[in-house]
Amino acid sequence: MRSRIVAFLLVAVMVLLAACGTPSKEDVMKKLSGKWNAKGYDLQATMEIKTGDEPRLYDVTVWHTKPDFYRVHVTQKGSKDAQMIVRNEEGVFVVTPSLGKTYKFQSDWPAQNSQAYFIGALSDDIKADKSATMTEKDKTYIFETATRNNHKKVLPTQQIHIDKKTLLPKHVSILDETNEEKIRITFKKVTLGTARKAGDYAVEREGTNTAPDDKAQENDKDDGTAVDEEKTSLKTYYPSLDWEGVTMVEEEDVALENGVRSFMTYGGEKDFIIVQEPATRPDTMVQVSIEGDPVDLGFTVAALTEKSIRWESDGISFFVASDTLSKEELIEVASSMAPGEMK
């Protein structure tokens, strides 16, 4: 009998010791908040977007220096096109070297639009969601929280996978309403404690270093026929939406000097119009002030207003307008655009 009691006590002590050694969700959250909200960081990641017919893969590089300086560089795999979104002391800019344009926004981005490749924002997401859960699997903490960006109605949940030893993020899965993964961000390298100079966030630096070289521009000018053929052979994009009671009412093409402007009118339960045409490139890099807030669509950055959203991607300028759609619905239309037959 005595041996049984001793054995029971030993098991109880071991259980208690194991429990004491397991950090709670609050313990881990506190450590993350202190570690991820450092004076600055650099990171490299890949982003896979699965919202279209074919997954799209992007390389993402982020610089952040507290409190408000950001630089995000996004390049699609297999493409030379790149896009940067920069926040410095002058404002928020989207730089598109392939189109020779820099767009300036008057916006508090990214304060009201959390992005999963900002590790400080992930920490804030965990703290903001009182219903957030933490589970452990092998050498990983997994937090499941609500998202806090402009896609939150369509992609409401995210799972943040964190290495137990380093307390650095491994990857983030962003899920739709059926818990299907639609976006995955995989962190390749995270360097904490970096603080770059203000000059590193200068927009002129971005435009100069990433614009096509003079020789490439000369080739474009010399081969005008090839450029014209490329513009006129651009694919037509259609929204891939699962909206009941919404159909295309009319589709019309208007010939332009550099291609075709397409008008698509949708009606029924929701009304909106989509306009797309070849994007123009000026002879020199120009800065354009644009109305609206920057919205990261994953594959590009759009300008969102109360009644419209516009963006440029794959050599095409897109514009969606509606008097009845909400901002979230405008973003949903923009995010669903894909080349091919009418959806």
Protein backbone atom coordinates (compact mmCIF):
# COMPACT_ATOMS: atom_id res chain seq x y z
CA MET A 1 0.00 0.00 0.00
CA ARG A 2 2.79 2.39 0.93
CA SER A 3 4.53 1.77 -2.42
CA ARG A 4 1.32 2.62 -4.27
CA ILE A 5 0.98 5.90 -2.36
CA VAL A 6 4.60 6.81 -3.08
CA ALA A 7 4.14 6.01 -6.77
CA PHE A 8 0.96 8.10 -6.90
CA LEU A 9 2.72 11.04 -5.26
CA LEU A 10 5.63 10.80 -7.69
CA VAL A 11 3.26 10.86 -10.67
CA ALA A 12 1.40 13.85 -9.21
CA VAL A 13 4.64 15.76 -8.68
CA MET A 14 5.77 15.02 -12.24
CA VAL A 15 2.44 16.25 -13.61
CA LEU A 16 2.72 19.43 -11.56
CA LEU A 17 6.28 20.04 -12.71
CA ALA A 18 5.30 19.49 -16.35
CA ALA A 19 2.40 21.90 -15.98
CA CYS A 20 4.66 24.52 -14.44
CA GLY A 21 7.04 24.20 -17.37
CA THR A 22 4.36 24.73 -20.05
CA PRO A 23 3.93 28.43 -20.88
CA SER A 24 0.40 29.78 -21.10
CA LYS A 25 -1.01 31.65 -24.06
CA GLU A 26 -0.57 34.89 -22.13
CA ASP A 27 3.09 34.07 -21.37
CA VAL A 28 3.87 33.48 -25.04
CA MET A 29 1.92 36.58 -26.12
CA LYS A 30 3.92 38.75 -23.73
CA LYS A 31 7.23 37.40 -25.05
CA LEU A 32 6.14 37.88 -28.66
CA SER A 33 5.03 41.45 -28.06
CA GLY A 34 8.41 42.37 -26.60
CA LYS A 35 10.42 40.52 -29.24
CA TRP A 36 8.50 41.36 -32.42
CA ASN A 37 7.90 45.03 -31.64
CA ALA A 38 11.60 45.80 -31.64
CA LYS A 39 13.11 49.06 -32.92
CA GLY A 40 13.06 47.61 -36.40
CA TYR A 41 13.46 44.48 -38.50
CA ASP A 42 14.25 43.15 -41.97
CA LEU A 43 12.60 40.03 -43.33
CA GLN A 44 12.37 37.91 -46.45
CA ALA A 45 9.33 35.78 -47.20
CA THR A 46 7.37 34.08 -49.93
CA MET A 47 3.64 34.61 -50.39
CA GLU A 48 1.41 32.11 -52.16
CA ILE A 49 -2.05 33.30 -53.20
CA LYS A 50 -4.60 30.61 -54.02
CA THR A 51 -7.66 32.76 -54.74
CA GLY A 52 -7.52 32.34 -58.55
CA ASP A 53 -7.59 29.33 -60.85
CA GLU A 54 -3.81 28.93 -60.51
CA PRO A 55 -1.75 29.66 -57.37
CA ARG A 56 0.51 32.69 -57.66
CA LEU A 57 3.86 32.89 -55.85
CA TYR A 58 5.62 36.10 -54.82
CA ASP A 59 8.89 37.06 -53.15
CA VAL A 60 8.42 39.64 -50.39
CA THR A 61 11.09 41.76 -48.70
CA VAL A 62 10.17 44.04 -45.80
CA TRP A 63 12.11 46.76 -44.01
CA HIS A 64 10.61 48.41 -40.94
CA THR A 65 12.09 51.06 -38.66
CA LYS A 66 10.01 52.30 -35.75
CA PRO A 67 7.78 54.05 -35.48
CA ASP A 68 6.41 54.66 -38.98
CA PHE A 69 8.90 53.79 -41.73
CA TYR A 70 8.09 50.82 -43.98
CA ARG A 71 9.33 49.46 -47.29
CA VAL A 72 7.69 46.41 -48.88
CA HIS A 73 9.09 45.00 -52.14
CA VAL A 74 6.98 42.38 -53.95
CA THR A 75 8.04 40.45 -57.06
CA GLN A 76 6.04 37.71 -58.75
CA LYS A 77 7.92 34.49 -59.41
CA GLY A 78 8.83 34.19 -63.07
CA SER A 79 8.25 37.89 -63.73
CA LYS A 80 10.53 40.92 -63.83
CA ASP A 81 7.73 43.22 -62.67
CA ALA A 82 8.06 44.49 -59.12
CA GLN A 83 6.14 46.86 -56.92
CA MET A 84 7.09 48.71 -53.76
CA ILE A 85 4.98 50.33 -51.10
CA VAL A 86 6.92 52.82 -49.01
CA ARG A 87 5.99 54.85 -45.97
CA ASN A 88 8.35 57.65 -44.96
CA GLU A 89 8.11 61.07 -43.34
CA GLU A 90 6.52 62.50 -46.51
CA GLY A 91 3.65 60.01 -46.80
CA VAL A 92 2.76 56.69 -48.37
CA PHE A 93 3.95 55.82 -51.88
CA VAL A 94 3.44 52.94 -54.28
CA VAL A 95 6.30 52.64 -56.77
CA THR A 96 5.78 50.72 -60.02
CA PRO A 97 9.04 50.87 -62.01
CA SER A 98 7.74 48.81 -64.94
CA LEU A 99 5.09 51.49 -65.57
CA GLY A 100 7.35 54.43 -64.69
CA LYS A 101 4.93 55.66 -62.03
CA THR A 102 4.95 56.51 -58.36
CA TYR A 103 1.58 56.98 -56.64
CA LYS A 104 1.34 59.14 -53.53
CA PHE A 105 -1.41 58.54 -50.95
CA GLN A 106 -2.53 60.64 -48.03
CA SER A 107 -3.09 57.72 -45.71
CA ASP A 108 -2.23 56.28 -42.29
CA TRP A 109 -1.35 52.92 -43.87
CA PRO A 110 -0.69 50.37 -42.41
CA ALA A 111 -2.22 51.43 -39.07
CA GLN A 112 -5.75 50.40 -40.05
CA ASN A 113 -4.86 47.59 -42.41
CA SER A 114 -2.87 44.82 -40.75
CA GLN A 115 -0.71 42.76 -43.11
CA ALA A 116 0.47 39.24 -42.32
CA TYR A 117 4.03 39.93 -43.49
CA PHE A 118 4.40 42.63 -40.78
CA ILE A 119 5.42 40.67 -37.69
CA GLY A 120 4.53 43.54 -35.36
CA ALA A 121 1.03 43.53 -36.84
CA LEU A 122 0.76 39.77 -36.21
CA SER A 123 1.61 40.36 -32.55
CA ASP A 124 -1.06 43.06 -32.38
CA ASP A 125 -3.57 40.72 -34.05
CA ILE A 126 -3.02 38.15 -31.31
CA LYS A 127 -3.47 40.73 -28.55
CA ALA A 128 -6.53 42.30 -30.18
CA ASP A 129 -8.46 39.03 -30.47
CA LYS A 130 -9.71 38.08 -27.00
CA SER A 131 -10.89 34.76 -28.44
CA ALA A 132 -7.49 33.85 -29.90
CA THR A 133 -6.39 30.30 -29.19
CA MET A 134 -2.95 28.74 -28.86
CA THR A 135 -2.09 25.11 -29.48
CA GLU A 136 1.26 23.31 -29.56
CA LYS A 137 2.46 20.88 -32.19
CA ASP A 138 5.95 19.43 -32.12
CA LYS A 139 8.26 22.47 -31.88
CA THR A 140 5.65 25.02 -32.87
CA TYR A 141 3.15 27.33 -31.18
CA ILE A 142 0.07 27.84 -33.36
CA PHE A 143 -2.10 30.90 -32.70
CA GLU A 144 -5.47 31.14 -34.40
CA THR A 145 -6.84 34.68 -34.52
CA ALA A 146 -9.21 36.90 -36.44
CA THR A 147 -7.70 38.95 -39.26
CA ARG A 148 -7.83 42.74 -39.10
CA ASN A 149 -7.41 43.89 -42.69
CA ASN A 150 -9.62 44.89 -45.59
CA HIS A 151 -10.10 41.24 -46.55
CA LYS A 152 -11.45 40.20 -43.14
CA LYS A 153 -15.00 39.46 -44.34
CA VAL A 154 -13.75 37.11 -47.06
CA LEU A 155 -10.65 35.81 -45.22
CA PRO A 156 -11.64 36.07 -41.55
CA THR A 157 -9.12 33.76 -39.85
CA GLN A 158 -5.36 33.28 -39.72
CA GLN A 159 -3.11 30.66 -38.17
CA ILE A 160 0.28 31.96 -37.06
CA HIS A 161 2.95 29.25 -36.70
CA ILE A 162 5.81 30.22 -34.36
CA ASP A 163 9.05 28.39 -33.66
CA LYS A 164 9.18 27.54 -29.94
CA LYS A 165 12.93 27.95 -29.65
CA THR A 166 13.48 31.22 -31.52
CA LEU A 167 9.99 32.68 -31.03
CA LEU A 168 10.09 33.78 -34.67
CA PRO A 169 7.23 33.21 -37.14
CA LYS A 170 7.56 30.21 -39.46
CA HIS A 171 4.50 30.78 -41.62
CA VAL A 172 1.01 32.27 -41.60
CA SER A 173 -2.03 30.61 -43.18
CA ILE A 174 -4.94 32.94 -44.01
CA LEU A 175 -8.23 31.07 -44.25
CA ASP A 176 -11.61 31.70 -45.82
CA GLU A 177 -14.99 31.11 -44.19
CA THR A 178 -14.71 27.35 -44.80
CA ASN A 179 -11.24 27.24 -43.17
CA GLU A 180 -9.58 26.62 -46.53
CA GLU A 181 -6.13 28.18 -46.89
CA LYS A 182 -6.17 30.98 -49.48
CA ILE A 183 -2.90 32.78 -48.67
CA ARG A 184 0.29 31.39 -47.14
CA ILE A 185 3.21 33.57 -46.12
CA THR A 186 6.39 31.62 -45.37
CA PHE A 187 9.14 33.49 -43.54
CA LYS A 188 12.59 32.66 -44.91
CA LYS A 189 14.68 35.04 -42.81
CA VAL A 190 13.82 37.48 -40.02
CA THR A 191 16.44 39.85 -38.60
CA LEU A 192 15.34 41.74 -35.50
CA GLY A 193 16.82 44.94 -34.10
CA THR A 194 17.70 46.63 -37.38
CA ALA A 195 17.18 50.39 -37.65
CA ARG A 196 17.74 51.92 -41.07
CA LYS A 197 18.33 55.59 -41.86
CA ALA A 198 15.54 57.77 -43.20
CA GLY A 199 17.37 57.98 -46.53
CA ASP A 200 16.91 54.24 -47.03
CA TYR A 201 13.18 54.88 -47.35
CA ALA A 202 13.48 57.65 -49.95
CA VAL A 203 11.15 57.12 -52.89
CA GLU A 204 13.69 58.58 -55.34
CA ARG A 205 16.03 55.75 -54.38
CA GLU A 206 13.40 53.17 -55.27
CA GLY A 207 12.64 54.71 -58.64
CA THR A 208 16.29 55.05 -59.58
CA ASN A 209 17.45 51.59 -58.55
CA THR A 210 14.56 49.59 -59.91
CA ALA A 211 13.64 51.35 -63.16
CA PRO A 212 14.54 49.56 -66.41
CA ASP A 213 17.99 50.43 -67.73
CA ASP A 214 18.53 52.82 -70.62
CA LYS A 215 19.37 50.04 -73.06
CA ALA A 216 16.12 48.23 -72.36
CA GLN A 217 14.19 51.46 -72.88
CA GLU A 218 16.00 52.04 -76.20
CA ASN A 219 15.06 48.54 -77.32
CA ASP A 220 11.44 49.26 -76.48
CA LYS A 221 11.52 52.41 -78.57
CA ASP A 222 13.23 50.71 -81.51
CA ASP A 223 10.83 47.79 -81.60
CA GLY A 224 7.55 49.71 -81.63
CA THR A 225 5.72 46.97 -83.49
CA ALA A 226 6.47 44.42 -80.77
CA VAL A 227 5.25 46.82 -78.08
CA ASP A 228 2.03 47.52 -79.98
CA GLU A 229 1.41 43.80 -80.47
CA GLU A 230 1.94 43.20 -76.77
CA LYS A 231 -0.56 45.91 -75.82
CA THR A 232 -3.23 44.73 -78.23
CA SER A 233 -2.86 41.07 -77.23
CA LEU A 234 -3.45 41.63 -73.51
CA LYS A 235 -5.84 39.15 -71.96
CA THR A 236 -9.30 40.13 -70.77
CA TYR A 237 -9.91 39.63 -67.06
CA TYR A 238 -13.21 38.62 -65.47
CA PRO A 239 -14.32 38.47 -61.83
CA SER A 240 -14.59 34.99 -60.33
CA LEU A 241 -17.35 35.57 -57.78
CA ASP A 242 -19.75 33.23 -56.05
CA TRP A 243 -22.51 35.85 -55.78
CA GLU A 244 -26.06 34.65 -56.30
CA GLY A 245 -28.30 36.86 -58.38
CA VAL A 246 -25.44 38.76 -60.02
CA THR A 247 -24.88 38.48 -63.77
CA MET A 248 -23.10 40.37 -66.52
CA VAL A 249 -25.60 42.68 -68.19
CA GLU A 250 -23.36 44.07 -70.93
CA GLU A 251 -19.80 43.81 -72.26
CA GLU A 252 -18.45 46.41 -74.66
CA ASP A 253 -15.01 47.03 -76.19
CA VAL A 254 -13.83 50.42 -77.44
CA ALA A 255 -10.76 50.67 -79.68
CA LEU A 256 -7.91 52.86 -78.44
CA GLU A 257 -4.63 53.89 -80.06
CA ASN A 258 -2.73 51.50 -77.77
CA GLY A 259 -5.24 48.67 -77.48
CA VAL A 260 -8.79 48.14 -76.28
CA ARG A 261 -10.80 49.57 -73.40
CA SER A 262 -13.25 47.01 -72.06
CA PHE A 263 -16.45 47.86 -70.16
CA MET A 264 -18.29 45.16 -68.19
CA THR A 265 -21.57 45.99 -66.49
CA TYR A 266 -22.94 43.66 -63.81
CA GLY A 267 -26.43 43.82 -62.37
CA GLY A 268 -29.02 42.00 -60.30
CA GLU A 269 -28.61 41.75 -56.54
CA LYS A 270 -25.45 43.89 -56.81
CA ASP A 271 -24.55 46.51 -59.42
CA PHE A 272 -21.05 47.47 -60.53
CA ILE A 273 -18.96 48.24 -63.61
CA ILE A 274 -15.45 47.06 -64.48
CA VAL A 275 -13.20 49.00 -66.85
CA GLN A 276 -9.85 47.67 -68.07
CA GLU A 277 -7.38 48.96 -70.65
CA PRO A 278 -3.63 48.84 -71.39
CA ALA A 279 -1.63 50.69 -68.76
CA THR A 280 0.42 53.57 -70.17
CA ARG A 281 4.07 54.21 -69.41
CA PRO A 282 5.42 57.78 -69.45
CA ASP A 283 8.83 58.54 -70.95
CA THR A 284 10.22 59.41 -67.51
CA MET A 285 9.38 58.36 -63.96
CA VAL A 286 6.49 60.52 -62.74
CA GLN A 287 4.75 60.97 -59.40
CA VAL A 288 0.97 60.87 -59.36
CA SER A 289 -1.24 61.88 -56.44
CA ILE A 290 -4.11 59.44 -56.16
CA GLU A 291 -7.36 59.50 -54.23
CA GLY A 292 -8.10 56.74 -51.75
CA ASP A 293 -6.31 54.46 -49.32
CA PRO A 294 -3.72 51.87 -50.41
CA VAL A 295 -5.04 48.32 -50.22
CA ASP A 296 -2.73 45.35 -50.61
CA LEU A 297 -4.40 42.85 -52.94
CA GLY A 298 -1.46 40.50 -52.58
CA PHE A 299 -0.44 40.70 -56.23
CA THR A 300 -0.52 44.52 -56.33
CA VAL A 301 -1.57 47.61 -54.36
CA ALA A 302 -4.88 49.27 -55.20
CA ALA A 303 -6.39 52.66 -54.38
CA LEU A 304 -9.72 52.31 -52.55
CA THR A 305 -12.39 55.00 -52.14
CA GLU A 306 -15.97 54.82 -50.88
CA LYS A 307 -17.28 53.92 -54.33
CA SER A 308 -14.36 52.66 -56.41
CA ILE A 309 -11.11 50.73 -56.51
CA ARG A 310 -8.34 51.05 -59.11
CA TRP A 311 -5.05 49.25 -59.69
CA GLU A 312 -2.54 48.26 -62.36
CA SER A 313 -1.29 44.72 -62.90
CA ASP A 314 0.11 42.62 -65.77
CA GLY A 315 0.30 45.70 -68.00
CA ILE A 316 -3.41 46.48 -67.51
CA SER A 317 -5.14 49.36 -65.74
CA PHE A 318 -8.28 48.25 -63.84
CA PHE A 319 -11.14 50.33 -62.40
CA VAL A 320 -14.21 49.04 -60.55
CA ALA A 321 -17.00 51.43 -59.53
CA SER A 322 -20.34 51.02 -57.78
CA ASP A 323 -22.90 53.06 -55.88
CA THR A 324 -24.08 50.00 -53.96
CA LEU A 325 -21.05 47.81 -53.16
CA SER A 326 -19.31 48.16 -49.80
CA LYS A 327 -15.56 48.67 -49.61
CA GLU A 328 -15.14 45.01 -48.69
CA GLU A 329 -17.16 43.97 -51.74
CA LEU A 330 -15.11 46.24 -54.03
CA ILE A 331 -11.97 44.54 -52.71
CA GLU A 332 -13.57 41.13 -53.25
CA VAL A 333 -14.24 41.95 -56.90
CA ALA A 334 -10.69 43.24 -57.40
CA SER A 335 -9.11 40.22 -55.71
CA SER A 336 -11.12 37.80 -57.85
CA MET A 337 -10.10 39.19 -61.25
CA ALA A 338 -8.50 36.50 -63.41
CA PRO A 339 -7.76 36.14 -67.16
CA GLY A 340 -9.94 33.86 -69.24
CA GLU A 341 -13.53 33.26 -70.11
CA MET A 342 -16.41 35.04 -68.39
CA LYS A 343 -17.08 33.63 -64.92
